[in-house]
Protein backbone atom coordinates (compact mmCIF):
# COMPACT_ATOMS: atom_id res chain seq x y z
CA MET A 1 -47.44 -190.03 113.21
CA THR A 2 -47.03 -190.85 109.53
CA LYS A 3 -48.07 -194.25 108.26
CA PRO A 4 -45.22 -196.71 107.65
CA THR A 5 -45.51 -196.85 103.87
CA ASP A 6 -41.72 -197.08 103.30
CA PRO A 7 -40.45 -200.69 103.58
CA VAL A 8 -36.83 -199.52 103.82
CA GLU A 9 -37.55 -197.49 106.96
CA ASN A 10 -39.65 -200.31 108.38
CA LEU A 11 -36.91 -202.87 107.85
CA ALA A 12 -34.19 -200.64 109.29
CA ALA A 13 -36.22 -200.26 112.48
CA LEU A 14 -36.64 -204.03 112.76
CA ILE A 15 -33.02 -204.96 111.98
CA ARG A 16 -31.77 -202.58 114.68
CA CYS A 17 -33.52 -204.77 117.25
CA PRO A 18 -31.20 -207.66 118.26
CA SER A 19 -33.97 -210.24 118.44
CA VAL A 20 -31.82 -213.39 118.42
CA THR A 21 -34.20 -216.24 119.19
CA PRO A 22 -35.92 -216.38 121.64
CA ALA A 23 -35.27 -212.77 122.70
CA GLU A 24 -37.87 -210.18 121.67
CA GLY A 25 -35.05 -207.63 121.45
CA GLY A 26 -37.43 -204.73 120.83
CA ALA A 27 -38.59 -206.07 117.46
CA LEU A 28 -42.23 -206.60 118.43
CA THR A 29 -42.30 -203.17 120.06
CA ALA A 30 -40.99 -201.63 116.83
CA LEU A 31 -43.57 -203.56 114.81
CA GLU A 32 -46.40 -202.46 117.11
CA ALA A 33 -45.30 -198.84 116.64
CA MET A 34 -45.61 -199.29 112.84
CA LEU A 35 -49.04 -200.90 113.03
CA ALA A 36 -50.72 -198.47 115.43
CA PRO A 37 -50.99 -195.49 113.03
CA VAL A 38 -52.47 -197.78 110.35
CA GLY A 39 -55.30 -198.65 112.74
CA PHE A 40 -54.35 -202.14 113.89
CA SER A 41 -55.30 -203.41 117.31
CA VAL A 42 -52.34 -205.25 118.80
CA GLU A 43 -51.99 -207.94 121.46
CA ARG A 44 -48.72 -209.51 122.61
CA PRO A 45 -49.28 -212.82 124.41
CA THR A 46 -46.37 -214.69 125.98
CA PHE A 47 -46.44 -218.49 126.00
CA SER A 48 -44.54 -220.90 128.23
CA GLU A 49 -43.75 -224.59 128.50
CA ASP A 50 -41.51 -226.47 130.89
CA GLY A 51 -38.01 -226.95 129.55
CA THR A 52 -38.30 -224.21 126.91
CA PRO A 53 -37.83 -220.43 127.08
CA ASP A 54 -40.84 -218.14 127.36
CA VAL A 55 -41.65 -216.50 124.01
CA GLU A 56 -43.45 -213.24 123.37
CA ASN A 57 -45.62 -213.11 120.25
CA LEU A 58 -47.75 -210.51 118.45
CA TYR A 59 -51.24 -210.68 117.00
CA ALA A 60 -52.55 -207.60 115.22
CA ARG A 61 -55.87 -207.10 113.43
CA LEU A 62 -57.31 -204.44 111.17
CA SER A 63 -61.01 -205.22 110.83
CA GLY A 64 -63.43 -204.66 108.00
CA ASN A 65 -66.37 -206.35 106.34
CA GLY A 66 -65.34 -209.19 104.05
CA PRO A 67 -62.81 -212.01 103.93
CA HIS A 68 -60.05 -212.32 106.53
CA LEU A 69 -56.43 -212.56 105.34
CA MET A 70 -53.62 -213.59 107.66
CA PHE A 71 -49.99 -212.60 107.15
CA ALA A 72 -47.66 -214.74 109.24
CA GLY A 73 -44.00 -214.53 110.04
CA HIS A 74 -41.33 -214.18 112.71
CA THR A 75 -39.12 -211.43 114.08
CA ASP A 76 -36.63 -213.75 115.77
CA VAL A 77 -33.35 -214.31 113.96
CA VAL A 78 -30.47 -216.78 114.14
CA PRO A 79 -27.21 -215.79 115.87
CA VAL A 80 -24.81 -213.65 113.85
CA GLY A 81 -21.85 -216.02 114.11
CA ASP A 82 -18.46 -214.30 113.89
CA GLU A 83 -19.46 -210.65 114.14
CA ALA A 84 -15.97 -209.57 113.10
CA ALA A 85 -16.51 -211.29 109.74
CA TRP A 86 -19.42 -208.98 108.86
CA THR A 87 -18.71 -206.16 106.42
CA HIS A 88 -21.30 -204.05 108.26
CA PRO A 89 -22.44 -204.56 111.88
CA PRO A 90 -25.23 -207.15 111.88
CA PHE A 91 -27.76 -204.96 113.72
CA SER A 92 -26.90 -201.63 112.12
CA ALA A 93 -29.13 -201.79 108.99
CA GLU A 94 -26.38 -200.00 107.07
CA ILE A 95 -26.93 -199.38 103.36
CA ALA A 96 -24.17 -199.80 100.79
CA ASN A 97 -24.38 -200.13 97.01
CA GLY A 98 -28.15 -200.38 97.05
CA MET A 99 -28.20 -203.16 99.67
CA MET A 100 -29.31 -203.11 103.31
CA TYR A 101 -27.18 -205.29 105.57
CA GLY A 102 -28.31 -206.95 108.76
CA ARG A 103 -29.36 -210.16 110.43
CA GLY A 104 -32.96 -210.86 109.45
CA ALA A 105 -32.85 -208.71 106.32
CA VAL A 106 -34.37 -211.50 104.23
CA ASP A 107 -35.26 -214.10 106.90
CA MET A 108 -37.66 -212.62 107.55
CA LYS A 109 -37.90 -209.08 108.85
CA GLY A 110 -37.82 -207.87 105.25
CA GLY A 111 -41.05 -209.68 104.40
CA ILE A 112 -42.78 -208.20 107.46
CA ALA A 113 -41.55 -204.70 106.61
CA CYS A 114 -42.93 -204.97 103.08
CA PHE A 115 -46.31 -206.32 104.11
CA VAL A 116 -46.79 -203.56 106.69
CA ALA A 117 -45.90 -200.99 104.02
CA ALA A 118 -48.35 -202.59 101.59
CA VAL A 119 -51.24 -202.47 104.06
CA ALA A 120 -50.39 -198.89 104.97
CA ARG A 121 -50.41 -197.90 101.29
CA TYR A 122 -53.70 -199.74 100.75
CA VAL A 123 -55.38 -197.89 103.62
CA GLU A 124 -53.91 -194.57 102.48
CA LYS A 125 -55.13 -195.18 98.92
CA HIS A 126 -58.56 -196.68 99.62
CA GLY A 127 -59.43 -195.28 103.03
CA GLY A 128 -59.93 -198.72 104.57
CA LEU A 129 -60.06 -202.43 103.91
CA LYS A 130 -62.78 -204.39 102.14
CA GLY A 131 -62.14 -207.15 104.62
CA SER A 132 -59.86 -207.90 107.57
CA VAL A 133 -56.10 -208.32 107.77
CA SER A 134 -54.27 -209.85 110.69
CA LEU A 135 -50.57 -210.28 111.39
CA LEU A 136 -49.56 -213.39 113.31
CA ILE A 137 -45.93 -212.86 114.28
CA THR A 138 -43.84 -215.09 116.52
CA GLY A 139 -40.45 -214.91 118.18
CA ASP A 140 -39.95 -218.68 118.13
CA GLU A 141 -39.61 -219.76 114.49
CA GLU A 142 -35.81 -220.03 114.53
CA GLY A 143 -35.93 -221.83 117.89
CA PRO A 144 -37.83 -224.91 119.04
CA SER A 145 -41.15 -223.63 117.58
CA ILE A 146 -43.03 -224.62 120.71
CA ASN A 147 -44.16 -221.33 122.25
CA GLY A 148 -44.76 -219.53 118.99
CA THR A 149 -47.03 -219.93 115.99
CA THR A 150 -48.74 -223.16 117.03
CA LYS A 151 -49.83 -221.73 120.40
CA LEU A 152 -50.61 -218.31 118.91
CA LEU A 153 -52.97 -219.92 116.40
CA ASP A 154 -54.79 -221.83 119.14
CA TRP A 155 -54.97 -218.70 121.30
CA ALA A 156 -56.45 -216.61 118.48
CA ALA A 157 -58.89 -219.34 117.41
CA LYS A 158 -60.20 -219.61 120.98
CA LYS A 159 -60.88 -215.86 120.85
CA GLY A 160 -63.08 -216.49 117.80
CA GLU A 161 -60.61 -215.65 115.06
CA ALA A 162 -61.04 -217.47 111.73
CA TRP A 163 -59.12 -216.90 108.53
CA ASP A 164 -59.95 -217.39 104.87
CA ALA A 165 -56.33 -217.55 103.67
CA ALA A 166 -52.77 -216.89 104.80
CA ILE A 167 -49.46 -215.76 103.35
CA VAL A 168 -46.21 -216.56 105.13
CA GLY A 169 -43.53 -214.03 104.23
CA GLU A 170 -40.54 -216.39 104.22
CA PRO A 171 -37.83 -215.81 101.56
CA THR A 172 -39.11 -218.20 98.90
CA ASN A 173 -37.32 -216.97 95.79
CA PRO A 174 -34.08 -218.78 94.88
CA ASN A 175 -32.59 -216.21 92.49
CA THR A 176 -34.93 -213.38 91.48
CA LEU A 177 -37.95 -211.84 93.15
CA GLY A 178 -40.90 -213.46 91.40
CA ASP A 179 -39.28 -216.87 90.84
CA MET A 180 -41.27 -219.00 93.23
CA ILE A 181 -44.32 -219.36 95.44
CA LYS A 182 -44.31 -222.19 97.97
CA ILE A 183 -47.66 -224.03 97.96
CA GLY A 184 -46.64 -226.85 100.29
CA ARG A 185 -43.75 -228.42 102.11
CA ARG A 186 -42.28 -231.85 102.55
CA GLY A 187 -42.59 -233.39 105.99
CA SER A 188 -39.65 -233.84 108.32
CA VAL A 189 -38.72 -236.48 110.89
CA SER A 190 -35.45 -236.97 112.77
CA ALA A 191 -34.01 -239.80 114.83
CA ASP A 192 -30.93 -241.02 116.68
CA LEU A 193 -29.56 -244.50 115.97
CA ILE A 194 -27.43 -246.04 118.74
CA VAL A 195 -25.46 -249.26 118.23
CA ASN A 196 -24.11 -251.09 121.25
CA GLY A 197 -20.90 -253.07 120.71
CA ARG A 198 -18.14 -254.51 122.91
CA GLN A 199 -15.01 -252.51 123.65
CA GLY A 200 -11.68 -254.15 122.97
CA HIS A 201 -8.17 -253.93 121.54
CA ALA A 202 -7.93 -253.13 117.82
CA ALA A 203 -5.39 -255.95 117.42
CA TYR A 204 -7.82 -258.52 118.85
CA PRO A 205 -11.13 -257.83 117.07
CA HIS A 206 -12.44 -261.34 117.78
CA LEU A 207 -12.64 -260.41 121.46
CA ALA A 208 -14.66 -257.26 120.75
CA ASP A 209 -17.69 -256.25 118.69
CA ASN A 210 -17.00 -253.13 116.68
CA PRO A 211 -20.12 -250.91 116.65
CA VAL A 212 -18.69 -248.90 113.76
CA ARG A 213 -18.97 -251.93 111.46
CA SER A 214 -22.52 -252.46 112.65
CA ILE A 215 -23.67 -248.87 112.25
CA VAL A 216 -22.26 -248.78 108.71
CA ALA A 217 -24.43 -251.79 107.82
CA LEU A 218 -27.53 -250.22 109.35
CA LEU A 219 -27.02 -246.84 107.71
CA ASP A 220 -26.48 -248.49 104.34
CA ALA A 221 -29.86 -250.18 104.74
CA LEU A 222 -31.47 -246.79 105.39
CA LEU A 223 -29.87 -245.16 102.36
CA HIS A 224 -30.40 -247.94 99.81
CA PRO A 225 -32.68 -248.42 98.03
CA ALA A 226 -34.25 -244.98 97.66
CA LEU A 227 -37.39 -244.51 99.71
CA ASP A 228 -39.38 -243.39 96.66
CA GLU A 229 -39.01 -241.65 93.30
CA GLY A 230 -41.04 -238.55 94.09
CA THR A 231 -44.61 -237.62 93.17
CA ASP A 232 -46.30 -235.16 90.83
CA ASP A 233 -46.14 -232.45 93.50
CA PHE A 234 -43.04 -233.32 95.53
CA GLN A 235 -39.37 -234.19 95.20
CA PRO A 236 -38.22 -237.70 96.17
CA THR A 237 -38.05 -238.44 99.88
CA ASN A 238 -34.50 -237.88 101.10
CA LEU A 239 -32.69 -239.29 104.14
CA GLU A 240 -29.51 -237.52 105.24
CA VAL A 241 -27.17 -238.85 107.91
CA THR A 242 -26.13 -235.70 109.75
CA THR A 243 -23.67 -237.05 112.30
CA VAL A 244 -21.82 -240.26 113.19
CA ASP A 245 -19.89 -240.36 116.45
CA VAL A 246 -18.17 -242.95 118.63
CA GLY A 247 -16.52 -240.59 121.12
CA ASN A 248 -13.28 -242.53 120.86
CA PRO A 249 -9.96 -240.62 120.83
CA ALA A 250 -7.76 -243.76 120.79
CA VAL A 251 -6.81 -245.34 117.46
CA ASN A 252 -5.99 -248.74 119.01
CA VAL A 253 -9.28 -249.16 120.89
CA ILE A 254 -12.52 -250.55 119.48
CA ALA A 255 -15.30 -248.39 120.90
CA ALA A 256 -18.22 -249.73 122.92
CA LYS A 257 -20.91 -247.63 121.26
CA ALA A 258 -21.61 -245.71 118.08
CA LYS A 259 -24.32 -243.12 117.46
CA ALA A 260 -25.69 -241.61 114.26
CA SER A 261 -28.37 -238.99 113.73
CA PHE A 262 -30.43 -238.58 110.59
CA ASN A 263 -33.18 -236.42 109.16
CA ILE A 264 -35.75 -237.41 106.53
CA ARG A 265 -37.62 -234.92 104.33
CA PHE A 266 -40.56 -236.87 102.97
CA ASN A 267 -43.27 -236.39 100.36
CA ASP A 268 -46.93 -237.36 100.27
CA THR A 269 -46.06 -241.01 99.62
CA TRP A 270 -45.69 -241.24 103.39
CA THR A 271 -47.15 -240.21 106.69
CA PRO A 272 -44.86 -239.89 109.72
CA GLU A 273 -46.24 -243.20 110.97
CA THR A 274 -45.77 -245.21 107.76
CA LEU A 275 -42.29 -243.76 107.23
CA GLN A 276 -41.21 -244.63 110.74
CA ALA A 277 -42.51 -248.17 110.22
CA GLU A 278 -40.44 -248.48 107.02
CA ILE A 279 -37.30 -247.32 108.83
CA HIS A 280 -37.86 -249.84 111.62
CA ASN A 281 -38.36 -252.63 109.07
CA ARG A 282 -35.14 -251.77 107.23
CA LEU A 283 -33.14 -251.72 110.44
CA ASP A 284 -34.63 -254.99 111.67
CA ARG A 285 -33.74 -256.73 108.42
CA ALA A 286 -30.22 -255.31 108.40
CA ALA A 287 -29.55 -256.16 112.05
CA SER A 288 -29.09 -259.85 111.17
CA ARG A 289 -26.50 -259.28 108.44
CA THR A 290 -22.96 -260.33 109.29
CA ARG A 291 -20.99 -259.36 106.17
CA LEU A 292 -19.17 -256.53 107.96
CA ARG A 293 -18.85 -258.50 111.22
CA PRO A 294 -16.70 -261.58 110.53
CA GLY A 295 -17.19 -264.26 113.15
CA LYS A 296 -20.21 -262.54 114.68
CA ASP A 297 -23.48 -264.44 114.39
CA GLU A 298 -25.51 -262.52 116.93
CA ARG A 299 -27.91 -259.81 115.82
CA ILE A 300 -26.70 -256.19 115.87
CA ASP A 301 -27.78 -254.57 119.13
CA PHE A 302 -29.30 -251.18 118.28
CA GLU A 303 -31.72 -248.58 119.60
CA LEU A 304 -33.74 -246.14 117.50
CA ILE A 305 -34.96 -242.98 119.22
CA TRP A 306 -37.33 -240.71 117.29
CA ARG A 307 -37.13 -236.99 117.97
CA ASP A 308 -40.28 -235.20 119.10
CA ARG A 309 -42.66 -233.25 116.88
CA PRO A 310 -42.40 -234.65 113.34
CA SER A 311 -43.58 -232.18 110.70
CA PRO A 312 -46.31 -233.46 108.36
CA VAL A 313 -46.28 -233.02 104.59
CA PHE A 314 -48.91 -230.68 103.18
CA LEU A 315 -50.06 -229.22 99.88
CA THR A 316 -52.33 -226.20 99.41
CA ARG A 317 -55.00 -226.53 96.74
CA ASN A 318 -56.81 -223.19 96.69
CA ASP A 319 -57.14 -221.58 93.27
CA LYS A 320 -58.22 -218.17 94.53
CA LEU A 321 -55.18 -217.82 96.77
CA THR A 322 -52.54 -219.23 94.43
CA ASP A 323 -53.97 -217.72 91.23
CA THR A 324 -54.38 -214.26 92.75
CA LEU A 325 -50.88 -214.22 94.18
CA SER A 326 -49.37 -215.57 90.94
CA ALA A 327 -51.19 -212.90 88.94
CA SER A 328 -49.99 -210.19 91.35
CA VAL A 329 -46.39 -211.36 91.00
CA SER A 330 -46.69 -211.42 87.21
CA ALA A 331 -48.32 -207.99 87.05
CA VAL A 332 -45.49 -206.36 89.02
CA THR A 333 -42.45 -208.35 87.85
CA GLY A 334 -43.44 -209.76 84.47
CA LEU A 335 -42.42 -213.22 85.71
CA THR A 336 -44.55 -216.34 86.06
CA PRO A 337 -43.67 -217.84 89.44
CA THR A 338 -43.11 -221.55 89.84
CA LEU A 339 -45.48 -223.20 92.31
CA SER A 340 -43.12 -225.27 94.42
CA THR A 341 -42.96 -227.56 97.44
CA SER A 342 -39.16 -227.55 97.69
CA GLY A 343 -37.04 -226.56 100.65
CA GLY A 344 -37.35 -227.11 104.36
CA THR A 345 -40.19 -226.66 106.79
CA SER A 346 -41.78 -223.43 107.97
CA ASP A 347 -44.57 -222.31 110.27
CA ALA A 348 -46.95 -222.84 107.35
CA ARG A 349 -47.09 -226.44 108.58
CA PHE A 350 -49.11 -225.20 111.57
CA ILE A 351 -51.24 -222.67 109.69
CA LYS A 352 -52.48 -225.20 107.11
CA ASP A 353 -54.72 -226.69 109.82
CA PHE A 354 -56.63 -223.38 110.06
CA CYS A 355 -56.83 -222.08 106.48
CA PRO A 356 -55.22 -222.37 103.03
CA VAL A 357 -51.65 -221.05 103.17
CA VAL A 358 -48.89 -220.17 100.71
CA GLU A 359 -45.45 -218.64 101.18
CA PHE A 360 -43.95 -215.75 99.29
CA GLY A 361 -41.21 -213.33 100.25
CA LEU A 362 -37.77 -212.08 99.30
CA VAL A 363 -34.79 -213.77 97.62
CA GLY A 364 -33.22 -216.09 100.17
CA GLN A 365 -29.63 -216.43 98.95
CA THR A 366 -28.05 -214.76 102.02
CA MET A 367 -30.34 -216.03 104.78
CA HIS A 368 -28.46 -217.22 107.90
CA MET A 369 -25.17 -216.11 106.31
CA VAL A 370 -22.57 -213.55 107.33
CA ASP A 371 -23.51 -210.26 105.61
CA GLU A 372 -27.17 -211.19 105.21
CA ARG A 373 -28.57 -208.44 102.98
CA VAL A 374 -31.42 -207.37 100.73
CA ALA A 375 -31.61 -205.14 97.68
CA LEU A 376 -33.57 -201.95 98.36
CA ALA A 377 -35.19 -202.39 94.96
CA ASP A 378 -36.50 -205.80 96.05
CA LEU A 379 -38.10 -204.27 99.13
CA GLU A 380 -40.06 -201.88 96.94
CA THR A 381 -40.98 -204.61 94.44
CA LEU A 382 -42.22 -206.97 97.16
CA THR A 383 -44.28 -204.18 98.69
CA GLN A 384 -45.90 -203.54 95.31
CA ILE A 385 -46.66 -207.27 94.92
CA TYR A 386 -48.28 -207.45 98.34
CA LEU A 387 -50.29 -204.29 97.61
CA ARG A 388 -51.46 -205.65 94.27
CA PHE A 389 -52.44 -208.89 95.97
CA LEU A 390 -54.45 -207.06 98.65
CA GLU A 391 -56.33 -205.06 95.99
CA ASP A 392 -57.06 -208.10 93.83
CA TRP A 393 -57.87 -210.53 96.65
CA PHE A 394 -60.23 -208.20 98.48
CA GLY A 395 -61.57 -206.89 95.19
């Protein structure tokens, strides 16, 4: 069997596997088939937890003497949406006008395909590694992220695995391959705010207590003033109200209850605990305001329910990792990548507890969209960047 040195062929094999989270869909089997001829040993543990689907994962290692580099990612993908709206079938890996179409093309089967090709080229060129490379691949990144990377890391660590650095192959570049390396991420917490009112007739508001008026006052207190102005390394903390609902189809009825949900992406000004305390304080102060509730002197009756598993903020400070990757990007593309902490969360938030971690992958403009696609030229460029990084980092 030939070594999988062509990222286009690798990606086509992965896209043709309908691995919509949490289904394995054949993607890990296809990946194992690519890794075997390169010399990787492969294990595929499945993890479980009550109330969540079982998830199959993959851990592969190619051992040598020297430092140990982890490449992390996921083969699960989001649903395709309206399949009829796709120009090319979402699991066909069809190529048109220099682009490969398919769900997962950039998020993030493309990154995996390129890294496998880079390692295969390295081994073909040098005859072996001057260290060890492992792939830590989950099928649970686009889902609840419970039976995936976090448990796979613990499982591998208990087997004695230790890593010197990690790259997550998420699509980090906003416009052009070489734009951006992610060296950290803001934290994330979410909550539900429930306001209890008193149902009544819209023409007799003095007999009711409109929870919509109350929830507007509470949400205003969360949004103003700003939580902070940002730091040297991170954007300002941002709270977004994502839904407000009273479940009331009648225009002449004051509802009994209103519910809002919100998400906060926070910087290193806060920890999850201090941020939650600030939110509670703002709501407590606002609960006594009556400006929007004429004739109501009693305190607003509300409940705040925090969602499970807040994501912590983190920042990677490791010159060897960031400088080597930046130099590899520049050598191949001629660009100087921005070192950024923008965007959402990723599984790097789990990996940072085990070793320094950065993220670098393809251009992410079409991720999660209809007609998700990647330029074939970008697949080759990313493979060359990863190969250059392997040579420089191990060298």
